[in-house]
Amino acid sequence: MSEPRGQSGTAGGVLGVLVFLAGVAILVFTFGLARDLFTQDPNQVLGLTKDKPLDLNNAGATLVGVLLKVLLLLVMALVGGMIANRGIRLYADSRMTKEPAPKREA
């Protein structure tokens, strides 16, 4: 059984806020990278020009690279969200005071 706490944990609250802010920073960085990736001209990304014929090997390799970047952005977003969620939980747990359970009379 856990010991009851009478006060909220200041260190836990500060650590929870810092972890939350780190998770939010990762999410902001991830969305910035996603914005940069999705605002590029597709012809430029795939190396297509009007005067050159389409090179399927080069276009296929570039497409795989773009898909890999999208998957990495997804993983970064998930990790940032999990870190932010952990920070919220740390903060919330540090603010909760646990009262001793009332004794039951038989």
PDB file of N, CA and C in Angstrom:
ATOM      1  N   MET A   1       0.826  -1.176   0.000  1.00  0.00           N
ATOM      2  CA  MET A   1       0.000   0.000   0.000  1.00  0.00           C
ATOM      3  C   MET A   1       0.870   1.238   0.000  1.00  0.00           C
ATOM      4  N   SER A   2       0.458   2.280  -0.669  1.00  0.00           N
ATOM      5  CA  SER A   2       1.257   3.499  -0.739  1.00  0.00           C
ATOM      6  C   SER A   2       0.993   4.360   0.485  1.00  0.00           C
ATOM      7  N   GLU A   3       2.020   5.110   0.831  1.00  0.00           N
ATOM      8  CA  GLU A   3       1.916   6.015   1.959  1.00  0.00           C
ATOM      9  C   GLU A   3       1.107   7.240   1.555  1.00  0.00           C
ATOM     10  N   PRO A   4       0.245   7.727   2.415  1.00  0.00           N
ATOM     11  CA  PRO A   4      -0.503   8.934   2.073  1.00  0.00           C
ATOM     12  C   PRO A   4       0.410  10.156   2.080  1.00  0.00           C
ATOM     13  N   ARG A   5       0.155  11.077   1.173  1.00  0.00           N
ATOM     14  CA  ARG A   5       0.904  12.325   1.103  1.00  0.00           C
ATOM     15  C   ARG A   5      -0.016  13.453   1.512  1.00  0.00           C
ATOM     16  N   GLY A   6       0.493  14.350   2.308  1.00  0.00           N
ATOM     17  CA  GLY A   6      -0.305  15.481   2.726  1.00  0.00           C
ATOM     18  C   GLY A   6      -0.118  16.696   1.838  1.00  0.00           C
ATOM     19  N   GLN A   7       1.020  16.774   1.125  1.00  0.00           N
ATOM     20  CA  GLN A   7       1.310  17.931   0.295  1.00  0.00           C
ATOM     21  C   GLN A   7       1.539  17.482  -1.141  1.00  0.00           C
ATOM     22  N   SER A   8       1.428  18.440  -2.028  1.00  0.00           N
ATOM     23  CA  SER A   8       1.737  18.122  -3.422  1.00  0.00           C
ATOM     24  C   SER A   8       3.247  18.178  -3.607  1.00  0.00           C
ATOM     25  N   GLY A   9       3.755  17.401  -4.549  1.00  0.00           N
ATOM     26  CA  GLY A   9       5.183  17.359  -4.811  1.00  0.00           C
ATOM     27  C   GLY A   9       5.596  18.454  -5.776  1.00  0.00           C
ATOM     28  N   THR A  10       6.385  19.394  -5.286  1.00  0.00           N
ATOM     29  CA  THR A  10       6.819  20.503  -6.135  1.00  0.00           C
ATOM     30  C   THR A  10       7.784  20.015  -7.204  1.00  0.00           C
ATOM     31  N   ALA A  11       8.729  19.171  -6.815  1.00  0.00           N
ATOM     32  CA  ALA A  11       9.710  18.675  -7.784  1.00  0.00           C
ATOM     33  C   ALA A  11       9.019  17.857  -8.876  1.00  0.00           C
ATOM     34  N   GLY A  12       8.054  17.054  -8.500  1.00  0.00           N
ATOM     35  CA  GLY A  12       7.309  16.277  -9.495  1.00  0.00           C
ATOM     36  C   GLY A  12       6.517  17.161 -10.434  1.00  0.00           C
ATOM     37  N   GLY A  13       5.960  18.239  -9.910  1.00  0.00           N
ATOM     38  CA  GLY A  13       5.213  19.167 -10.752  1.00  0.00           C
ATOM     39  C   GLY A  13       6.108  19.879 -11.749  1.00  0.00           C
ATOM     40  N   VAL A  14       7.283  20.341 -11.271  1.00  0.00           N
ATOM     41  CA  VAL A  14       8.224  21.023 -12.159  1.00  0.00           C
ATOM     42  C   VAL A  14       8.732  20.053 -13.222  1.00  0.00           C
ATOM     43  N   LEU A  15       9.074  18.829 -12.808  1.00  0.00           N
ATOM     44  CA  LEU A  15       9.541  17.832 -13.763  1.00  0.00           C
ATOM     45  C   LEU A  15       8.449  17.491 -14.772  1.00  0.00           C
ATOM     46  N   GLY A  16       7.222  17.398 -14.322  1.00  0.00           N
ATOM     47  CA  GLY A  16       6.105  17.124 -15.228  1.00  0.00           C
ATOM     48  C   GLY A  16       5.923  18.211 -16.261  1.00  0.00           C
ATOM     49  N   VAL A  17       6.042  19.476 -15.839  1.00  0.00           N
ATOM     50  CA  VAL A  17       5.910  20.593 -16.780  1.00  0.00           C
ATOM     51  C   VAL A  17       7.058  20.580 -17.778  1.00  0.00           C
ATOM     52  N   LEU A  18       8.286  20.318 -17.311  1.00  0.00           N
ATOM     53  CA  LEU A  18       9.439  20.273 -18.212  1.00  0.00           C
ATOM     54  C   LEU A  18       9.314  19.150 -19.236  1.00  0.00           C
ATOM     55  N   VAL A  19       8.860  17.984 -18.799  1.00  0.00           N
ATOM     56  CA  VAL A  19       8.681  16.861 -19.727  1.00  0.00           C
ATOM     57  C   VAL A  19       7.574  17.182 -20.723  1.00  0.00           C
ATOM     58  N   PHE A  20       6.502  17.794 -20.259  1.00  0.00           N
ATOM     59  CA  PHE A  20       5.424  18.195 -21.164  1.00  0.00           C
ATOM     60  C   PHE A  20       5.924  19.176 -22.212  1.00  0.00           C
ATOM     61  N   LEU A  21       6.694  20.181 -21.783  1.00  0.00           N
ATOM     62  CA  LEU A  21       7.226  21.170 -22.723  1.00  0.00           C
ATOM     63  C   LEU A  21       8.193  20.536 -23.720  1.00  0.00           C
ATOM     64  N   ALA A  22       8.964  19.541 -23.275  1.00  0.00           N
ATOM     65  CA  ALA A  22       9.856  18.836 -24.199  1.00  0.00           C
ATOM     66  C   ALA A  22       9.038  18.085 -25.252  1.00  0.00           C
ATOM     67  N   GLY A  23       7.956  17.450 -24.839  1.00  0.00           N
ATOM     68  CA  GLY A  23       7.089  16.753 -25.793  1.00  0.00           C
ATOM     69  C   GLY A  23       6.443  17.712 -26.774  1.00  0.00           C
ATOM     70  N   VAL A  24       6.022  18.872 -26.302  1.00  0.00           N
ATOM     71  CA  VAL A  24       5.428  19.875 -27.178  1.00  0.00           C
ATOM     72  C   VAL A  24       6.481  20.401 -28.158  1.00  0.00           C
ATOM     73  N   ALA A  25       7.716  20.583 -27.691  1.00  0.00           N
ATOM     74  CA  ALA A  25       8.785  21.050 -28.573  1.00  0.00           C
ATOM     75  C   ALA A  25       9.060  20.030 -29.675  1.00  0.00           C
ATOM     76  N   ILE A  26       9.041  18.755 -29.342  1.00  0.00           N
ATOM     77  CA  ILE A  26       9.231  17.713 -30.361  1.00  0.00           C
ATOM     78  C   ILE A  26       8.091  17.757 -31.369  1.00  0.00           C
ATOM     79  N   LEU A  27       6.866  17.951 -30.893  1.00  0.00           N
ATOM     80  CA  LEU A  27       5.726  18.037 -31.810  1.00  0.00           C
ATOM     81  C   LEU A  27       5.823  19.258 -32.722  1.00  0.00           C
ATOM     82  N   VAL A  28       6.229  20.394 -32.186  1.00  0.00           N
ATOM     83  CA  VAL A  28       6.372  21.598 -33.009  1.00  0.00           C
ATOM     84  C   VAL A  28       7.455  21.384 -34.061  1.00  0.00           C
ATOM     85  N   PHE A  29       8.575  20.791 -33.672  1.00  0.00           N
ATOM     86  CA  PHE A  29       9.651  20.498 -34.615  1.00  0.00           C
ATOM     87  C   PHE A  29       9.178  19.541 -35.708  1.00  0.00           C
ATOM     88  N   THR A  30       8.422  18.520 -35.316  1.00  0.00           N
ATOM     89  CA  THR A  30       7.911  17.544 -36.274  1.00  0.00           C
ATOM     90  C   THR A  30       6.955  18.196 -37.264  1.00  0.00           C
ATOM     91  N   PHE A  31       6.057  19.038 -36.768  1.00  0.00           N
ATOM     92  CA  PHE A  31       5.123  19.693 -37.678  1.00  0.00           C
ATOM     93  C   PHE A  31       5.827  20.693 -38.586  1.00  0.00           C
ATOM     94  N   GLY A  32       6.899  21.311 -38.108  1.00  0.00           N
ATOM     95  CA  GLY A  32       7.693  22.181 -38.966  1.00  0.00           C
ATOM     96  C   GLY A  32       8.355  21.406 -40.102  1.00  0.00           C
ATOM     97  N   LEU A  33       8.912  20.238 -39.765  1.00  0.00           N
ATOM     98  CA  LEU A  33       9.503  19.389 -40.806  1.00  0.00           C
ATOM     99  C   LEU A  33       8.444  18.909 -41.792  1.00  0.00           C
ATOM    100  N   ALA A  34       7.280  18.554 -41.289  1.00  0.00           N
ATOM    101  CA  ALA A  34       6.201  18.092 -42.169  1.00  0.00           C
ATOM    102  C   ALA A  34       5.746  19.218 -43.096  1.00  0.00           C
ATOM    103  N   ARG A  35       5.635  20.426 -42.563  1.00  0.00           N
ATOM    104  CA  ARG A  35       5.247  21.557 -43.399  1.00  0.00           C
ATOM    105  C   ARG A  35       6.270  21.783 -44.509  1.00  0.00           C
ATOM    106  N   ASP A  36       7.560  21.724 -44.153  1.00  0.00           N
ATOM    107  CA  ASP A  36       8.605  21.899 -45.161  1.00  0.00           C
ATOM    108  C   ASP A  36       8.557  20.798 -46.216  1.00  0.00           C
ATOM    109  N   LEU A  37       8.283  19.567 -45.783  1.00  0.00           N
ATOM    110  CA  LEU A  37       8.238  18.443 -46.712  1.00  0.00           C
ATOM    111  C   LEU A  37       7.053  18.549 -47.662  1.00  0.00           C
ATOM    112  N   PHE A  38       5.903  18.949 -47.134  1.00  0.00           N
ATOM    113  CA  PHE A  38       4.688  18.943 -47.949  1.00  0.00           C
ATOM    114  C   PHE A  38       4.480  20.222 -48.758  1.00  0.00           C
ATOM    115  N   THR A  39       5.293  21.255 -48.528  1.00  0.00           N
ATOM    116  CA  THR A  39       5.157  22.463 -49.327  1.00  0.00           C
ATOM    117  C   THR A  39       6.162  22.524 -50.475  1.00  0.00           C
ATOM    118  N   GLN A  40       6.989  21.497 -50.610  1.00  0.00           N
ATOM    119  CA  GLN A  40       7.932  21.458 -51.730  1.00  0.00           C
ATOM    120  C   GLN A  40       7.202  21.075 -53.010  1.00  0.00           C
ATOM    121  N   ASP A  41       7.720  21.561 -54.125  1.00  0.00           N
ATOM    122  CA  ASP A  41       7.158  21.236 -55.424  1.00  0.00           C
ATOM    123  C   ASP A  41       7.443  19.769 -55.748  1.00  0.00           C
ATOM    124  N   PRO A  42       6.424  18.962 -56.064  1.00  0.00           N
ATOM    125  CA  PRO A  42       6.650  17.543 -56.349  1.00  0.00           C
ATOM    126  C   PRO A  42       7.614  17.306 -57.516  1.00  0.00           C
ATOM    127  N   ASN A  43       7.567  18.161 -58.509  1.00  0.00           N
ATOM    128  CA  ASN A  43       8.492  17.999 -59.631  1.00  0.00           C
ATOM    129  C   ASN A  43       9.936  18.182 -59.186  1.00  0.00           C
ATOM    130  N   GLN A  44      10.154  19.105 -58.284  1.00  0.00           N
ATOM    131  CA  GLN A  44      11.497  19.326 -57.772  1.00  0.00           C
ATOM    132  C   GLN A  44      11.948  18.158 -56.899  1.00  0.00           C
ATOM    133  N   VAL A  45      11.064  17.647 -56.079  1.00  0.00           N
ATOM    134  CA  VAL A  45      11.406  16.541 -55.188  1.00  0.00           C
ATOM    135  C   VAL A  45      11.745  15.287 -55.990  1.00  0.00           C
ATOM    136  N   LEU A  46      10.952  14.999 -57.009  1.00  0.00           N
ATOM    137  CA  LEU A  46      11.172  13.794 -57.820  1.00  0.00           C
ATOM    138  C   LEU A  46      12.196  14.003 -58.926  1.00  0.00           C
ATOM    139  N   GLY A  47      12.685  15.211 -59.101  1.00  0.00           N
ATOM    140  CA  GLY A  47      13.697  15.481 -60.114  1.00  0.00           C
ATOM    141  C   GLY A  47      13.145  15.455 -61.531  1.00  0.00           C
ATOM    142  N   LEU A  48      11.916  15.904 -61.702  1.00  0.00           N
ATOM    143  CA  LEU A  48      11.282  15.908 -63.017  1.00  0.00           C
ATOM    144  C   LEU A  48      11.467  17.261 -63.688  1.00  0.00           C
ATOM    145  N   THR A  49      11.805  17.226 -64.960  1.00  0.00           N
ATOM    146  CA  THR A  49      11.884  18.452 -65.758  1.00  0.00           C
ATOM    147  C   THR A  49      11.144  18.232 -67.066  1.00  0.00           C
ATOM    148  N   LYS A  50      10.768  19.336 -67.718  1.00  0.00           N
ATOM    149  CA  LYS A  50       9.988  19.223 -68.962  1.00  0.00           C
ATOM    150  C   LYS A  50      10.828  18.710 -70.124  1.00  0.00           C
ATOM    151  N   ASP A  51      12.109  19.070 -70.157  1.00  0.00           N
ATOM    152  CA  ASP A  51      12.918  18.694 -71.312  1.00  0.00           C
ATOM    153  C   ASP A  51      13.582  17.332 -71.183  1.00  0.00           C
ATOM    154  N   LYS A  52      13.528  16.702 -70.000  1.00  0.00           N
ATOM    155  CA  LYS A  52      14.141  15.392 -69.786  1.00  0.00           C
ATOM    156  C   LYS A  52      13.071  14.321 -69.662  1.00  0.00           C
ATOM    157  N   PRO A  53      13.307  13.123 -70.217  1.00  0.00           N
ATOM    158  CA  PRO A  53      12.335  12.048 -70.016  1.00  0.00           C
ATOM    159  C   PRO A  53      12.366  11.550 -68.570  1.00  0.00           C
ATOM    160  N   LEU A  54      11.295  10.919 -68.169  1.00  0.00           N
ATOM    161  CA  LEU A  54      11.162  10.414 -66.802  1.00  0.00           C
ATOM    162  C   LEU A  54      12.093   9.232 -66.592  1.00  0.00           C
ATOM    163  N   ASP A  55      12.957   9.321 -65.591  1.00  0.00           N
ATOM    164  CA  ASP A  55      13.835   8.209 -65.209  1.00  0.00           C
ATOM    165  C   ASP A  55      13.159   7.481 -64.049  1.00  0.00           C
ATOM    166  N   LEU A  56      12.594   6.298 -64.348  1.00  0.00           N
ATOM    167  CA  LEU A  56      11.825   5.572 -63.332  1.00  0.00           C
ATOM    168  C   LEU A  56      12.685   5.127 -62.159  1.00  0.00           C
ATOM    169  N   ASN A  57      13.947   4.776 -62.400  1.00  0.00           N
ATOM    170  CA  ASN A  57      14.809   4.360 -61.286  1.00  0.00           C
ATOM    171  C   ASN A  57      15.019   5.504 -60.304  1.00  0.00           C
ATOM    172  N   ASN A  58      15.334   6.678 -60.830  1.00  0.00           N
ATOM    173  CA  ASN A  58      15.558   7.837 -59.974  1.00  0.00           C
ATOM    174  C   ASN A  58      14.256   8.265 -59.283  1.00  0.00           C
ATOM    175  N   ALA A  59      13.153   8.292 -60.017  1.00  0.00           N
ATOM    176  CA  ALA A  59      11.867   8.688 -59.437  1.00  0.00           C
ATOM    177  C   ALA A  59      11.411   7.695 -58.367  1.00  0.00           C
ATOM    178  N   GLY A  60      11.623   6.405 -58.620  1.00  0.00           N
ATOM    179  CA  GLY A  60      11.237   5.379 -57.634  1.00  0.00           C
ATOM    180  C   GLY A  60      12.049   5.485 -56.362  1.00  0.00           C
ATOM    181  N   ALA A  61      13.366   5.697 -56.503  1.00  0.00           N
ATOM    182  CA  ALA A  61      14.214   5.837 -55.322  1.00  0.00           C
ATOM    183  C   ALA A  61      13.842   7.082 -54.528  1.00  0.00           C
ATOM    184  N   THR A  62      13.534   8.161 -55.220  1.00  0.00           N
ATOM    185  CA  THR A  62      13.137   9.394 -54.549  1.00  0.00           C
ATOM    186  C   THR A  62      11.792   9.223 -53.847  1.00  0.00           C
ATOM    187  N   LEU A  63      10.875   8.512 -54.480  1.00  0.00           N
ATOM    188  CA  LEU A  63       9.568   8.261 -53.868  1.00  0.00           C
ATOM    189  C   LEU A  63       9.711   7.433 -52.598  1.00  0.00           C
ATOM    190  N   VAL A  64      10.581   6.437 -52.616  1.00  0.00           N
ATOM    191  CA  VAL A  64      10.821   5.627 -51.415  1.00  0.00           C
ATOM    192  C   VAL A  64      11.418   6.509 -50.319  1.00  0.00           C
ATOM    193  N   GLY A  65      12.307   7.413 -50.685  1.00  0.00           N
ATOM    194  CA  GLY A  65      12.878   8.338 -49.701  1.00  0.00           C
ATOM    195  C   GLY A  65      11.831   9.233 -49.084  1.00  0.00           C
ATOM    196  N   VAL A  66      10.900   9.714 -49.886  1.00  0.00           N
ATOM    197  CA  VAL A  66       9.825  10.570 -49.374  1.00  0.00           C
ATOM    198  C   VAL A  66       8.913   9.770 -48.434  1.00  0.00           C
ATOM    199  N   LEU A  67       8.591   8.542 -48.819  1.00  0.00           N
ATOM    200  CA  LEU A  67       7.753   7.699 -47.951  1.00  0.00           C
ATOM    201  C   LEU A  67       8.453   7.405 -46.631  1.00  0.00           C
ATOM    202  N   LEU A  68       9.758   7.202 -46.679  1.00  0.00           N
ATOM    203  CA  LEU A  68      10.513   6.972 -45.447  1.00  0.00           C
ATOM    204  C   LEU A  68      10.478   8.215 -44.552  1.00  0.00           C
ATOM    205  N   LYS A  69      10.603   9.397 -45.152  1.00  0.00           N
ATOM    206  CA  LYS A  69      10.513  10.631 -44.370  1.00  0.00           C
ATOM    207  C   LYS A  69       9.143  10.777 -43.727  1.00  0.00           C
ATOM    208  N   VAL A  70       8.095  10.430 -44.455  1.00  0.00           N
ATOM    209  CA  VAL A  70       6.737  10.526 -43.901  1.00  0.00           C
ATOM    210  C   VAL A  70       6.578   9.559 -42.732  1.00  0.00           C
ATOM    211  N   LEU A  71       7.095   8.347 -42.854  1.00  0.00           N
ATOM    212  CA  LEU A  71       7.021   7.379 -41.752  1.00  0.00           C
ATOM    213  C   LEU A  71       7.804   7.872 -40.534  1.00  0.00           C
ATOM    214  N   LEU A  72       8.979   8.456 -40.768  1.00  0.00           N
ATOM    215  CA  LEU A  72       9.750   8.986 -39.649  1.00  0.00           C
ATOM    216  C   LEU A  72       9.034  10.155 -38.976  1.00  0.00           C
ATOM    217  N   LEU A  73       8.365  10.983 -39.761  1.00  0.00           N
ATOM    218  CA  LEU A  73       7.575  12.069 -39.173  1.00  0.00           C
ATOM    219  C   LEU A  73       6.437  11.521 -38.320  1.00  0.00           C
ATOM    220  N   LEU A  74       5.814  10.448 -38.780  1.00  0.00           N
ATOM    221  CA  LEU A  74       4.745   9.819 -38.003  1.00  0.00           C
ATOM    222  C   LEU A  74       5.280   9.293 -36.678  1.00  0.00           C
ATOM    223  N   VAL A  75       6.426   8.638 -36.721  1.00  0.00           N
ATOM    224  CA  VAL A  75       7.031   8.119 -35.490  1.00  0.00           C
ATOM    225  C   VAL A  75       7.400   9.269 -34.552  1.00  0.00           C
ATOM    226  N   MET A  76       7.975  10.339 -35.106  1.00  0.00           N
ATOM    227  CA  MET A  76       8.328  11.491 -34.274  1.00  0.00           C
ATOM    228  C   MET A  76       7.092  12.108 -33.627  1.00  0.00           C
ATOM    229  N   ALA A  77       5.995  12.188 -34.363  1.00  0.00           N
ATOM    230  CA  ALA A  77       4.764  12.745 -33.802  1.00  0.00           C
ATOM    231  C   ALA A  77       4.233  11.852 -32.685  1.00  0.00           C
ATOM    232  N   LEU A  78       4.276  10.544 -32.881  1.00  0.00           N
ATOM    233  CA  LEU A  78       3.814   9.627 -31.836  1.00  0.00           C
ATOM    234  C   LEU A  78       4.678   9.728 -30.582  1.00  0.00           C
ATOM    235  N   VAL A  79       5.990   9.778 -30.768  1.00  0.00           N
ATOM    236  CA  VAL A  79       6.890   9.875 -29.619  1.00  0.00           C
ATOM    237  C   VAL A  79       6.693  11.206 -28.893  1.00  0.00           C
ATOM    238  N   GLY A  80       6.568  12.297 -29.634  1.00  0.00           N
ATOM    239  CA  GLY A  80       6.328  13.597 -29.004  1.00  0.00           C
ATOM    240  C   GLY A  80       5.026  13.619 -28.225  1.00  0.00           C
ATOM    241  N   GLY A  81       3.988  13.011 -28.781  1.00  0.00           N
ATOM    242  CA  GLY A  81       2.709  12.931 -28.079  1.00  0.00           C
ATOM    243  C   GLY A  81       2.795  12.091 -26.820  1.00  0.00           C
ATOM    244  N   MET A  82       3.534  10.993 -26.886  1.00  0.00           N
ATOM    245  CA  MET A  82       3.691  10.141 -25.702  1.00  0.00           C
ATOM    246  C   MET A  82       4.483  10.855 -24.612  1.00  0.00           C
ATOM    247  N   ILE A  83       5.521  11.604 -25.013  1.00  0.00           N
ATOM    248  CA  ILE A  83       6.313  12.339 -24.026  1.00  0.00           C
ATOM    249  C   ILE A  83       5.466  13.435 -23.382  1.00  0.00           C
ATOM    250  N   ALA A  84       4.701  14.159 -24.181  1.00  0.00           N
ATOM    251  CA  ALA A  84       3.835  15.201 -23.627  1.00  0.00           C
ATOM    252  C   ALA A  84       2.797  14.589 -22.685  1.00  0.00           C
ATOM    253  N   ASN A  85       2.233  13.451 -23.054  1.00  0.00           N
ATOM    254  CA  ASN A  85       1.267  12.767 -22.201  1.00  0.00           C
ATOM    255  C   ASN A  85       1.912  12.340 -20.887  1.00  0.00           C
ATOM    256  N   ARG A  86       3.137  11.850 -20.941  1.00  0.00           N
ATOM    257  CA  ARG A  86       3.831  11.451 -19.713  1.00  0.00           C
ATOM    258  C   ARG A  86       4.059  12.664 -18.812  1.00  0.00           C
ATOM    259  N   GLY A  87       4.377  13.814 -19.403  1.00  0.00           N
ATOM    260  CA  GLY A  87       4.562  15.027 -18.617  1.00  0.00           C
ATOM    261  C   GLY A  87       3.280  15.450 -17.932  1.00  0.00           C
ATOM    262  N   ILE A  88       2.165  15.345 -18.643  1.00  0.00           N
ATOM    263  CA  ILE A  88       0.872  15.679 -18.039  1.00  0.00           C
ATOM    264  C   ILE A  88       0.579  14.741 -16.874  1.00  0.00           C
ATOM    265  N   ARG A  89       0.855  13.464 -17.063  1.00  0.00           N
ATOM    266  CA  ARG A  89       0.604  12.491 -15.981  1.00  0.00           C
ATOM    267  C   ARG A  89       1.510  12.746 -14.785  1.00  0.00           C
ATOM    268  N   LEU A  90       2.794  13.080 -15.043  1.00  0.00           N
ATOM    269  CA  LEU A  90       3.697  13.388 -13.934  1.00  0.00           C
ATOM    270  C   LEU A  90       3.190  14.597 -13.153  1.00  0.00           C
ATOM    271  N   TYR A  91       2.783  15.616 -13.873  1.00  0.00           N
ATOM    272  CA  TYR A  91       2.278  16.818 -13.209  1.00  0.00           C
ATOM    273  C   TYR A  91       1.013  16.512 -12.418  1.00  0.00           C
ATOM    274  N   ALA A  92       0.084  15.791 -13.031  1.00  0.00           N
ATOM    275  CA  ALA A  92      -1.181  15.483 -12.354  1.00  0.00           C
ATOM    276  C   ALA A  92      -0.949  14.609 -11.125  1.00  0.00           C
ATOM    277  N   ASP A  93      -0.060  13.633 -11.233  1.00  0.00           N
ATOM    278  CA  ASP A  93       0.210  12.764 -10.083  1.00  0.00           C
ATOM    279  C   ASP A  93       0.907  13.519  -8.954  1.00  0.00           C
ATOM    280  N   SER A  94       1.691  14.528  -9.301  1.00  0.00           N
ATOM    281  CA  SER A  94       2.374  15.280  -8.250  1.00  0.00           C
ATOM    282  C   SER A  94       1.414  16.219  -7.531  1.00  0.00           C
ATOM    283  N   ARG A  95       0.329  16.591  -8.166  1.00  0.00           N
ATOM    284  CA  ARG A  95      -0.632  17.517  -7.571  1.00  0.00           C
ATOM    285  C   ARG A  95      -1.673  16.800  -6.722  1.00  0.00           C
ATOM    286  N   MET A  96      -1.834  15.523  -6.902  1.00  0.00           N
ATOM    287  CA  MET A  96      -2.874  14.791  -6.161  1.00  0.00           C
ATOM    288  C   MET A  96      -2.395  14.480  -4.751  1.00  0.00           C
ATOM    289  N   THR A  97      -3.245  14.717  -3.787  1.00  0.00           N
ATOM    290  CA  THR A  97      -2.948  14.313  -2.420  1.00  0.00           C
ATOM    291  C   THR A  97      -3.800  13.095  -2.109  1.00  0.00           C
ATOM    292  N   LYS A  98      -3.178  12.156  -1.502  1.00  0.00           N
ATOM    293  CA  LYS A  98      -3.888  10.912  -1.206  1.00  0.00           C
ATOM    294  C   LYS A  98      -4.315  10.918   0.248  1.00  0.00           C
ATOM    295  N   GLU A  99      -5.569  10.743   0.437  1.00  0.00           N
ATOM    296  CA  GLU A  99      -6.138  10.671   1.780  1.00  0.00           C
ATOM    297  C   GLU A  99      -6.119   9.209   2.223  1.00  0.00           C
ATOM    298  N   PRO A 100      -5.890   8.958   3.483  1.00  0.00           N
ATOM    299  CA  PRO A 100      -5.964   7.570   3.941  1.00  0.00           C
ATOM    300  C   PRO A 100      -7.394   7.046   3.800  1.00  0.00           C
ATOM    301  N   ALA A 101      -7.486   5.804   3.448  1.00  0.00           N
ATOM    302  CA  ALA A 101      -8.803   5.196   3.268  1.00  0.00           C
ATOM    303  C   ALA A 101      -9.513   5.105   4.618  1.00  0.00           C
ATOM    304  N   PRO A 102     -10.812   5.409   4.639  1.00  0.00           N
ATOM    305  CA  PRO A 102     -11.531   5.321   5.911  1.00  0.00           C
ATOM    306  C   PRO A 102     -11.612   3.858   6.368  1.00  0.00           C
ATOM    307  N   LYS A 103     -11.491   3.692   7.672  1.00  0.00           N
ATOM    308  CA  LYS A 103     -11.539   2.333   8.212  1.00  0.00           C
ATOM    309  C   LYS A 103     -12.988   1.887   8.312  1.00  0.00           C
ATOM    310  N   ARG A 104     -13.193   0.659   7.910  1.00  0.00           N
ATOM    311  CA  ARG A 104     -14.541   0.083   7.997  1.00  0.00           C
ATOM    312  C   ARG A 104     -14.697  -0.632   9.326  1.00  0.00           C
ATOM    313  N   GLU A 105     -15.846  -0.437   9.895  1.00  0.00           N
ATOM    314  CA  GLU A 105     -16.144  -1.144  11.144  1.00  0.00           C
ATOM    315  C   GLU A 105     -16.965  -2.357  10.800  1.00  0.00           C
ATOM    316  N   ALA A 106     -16.595  -3.475  11.390  1.00  0.00           N
ATOM    317  CA  ALA A 106     -17.300  -4.705  11.094  1.00  0.00           C
ATOM    318  C   ALA A 106     -18.462  -4.947  11.990  1.00  0.00           C
TER     319      ALA A 106
END
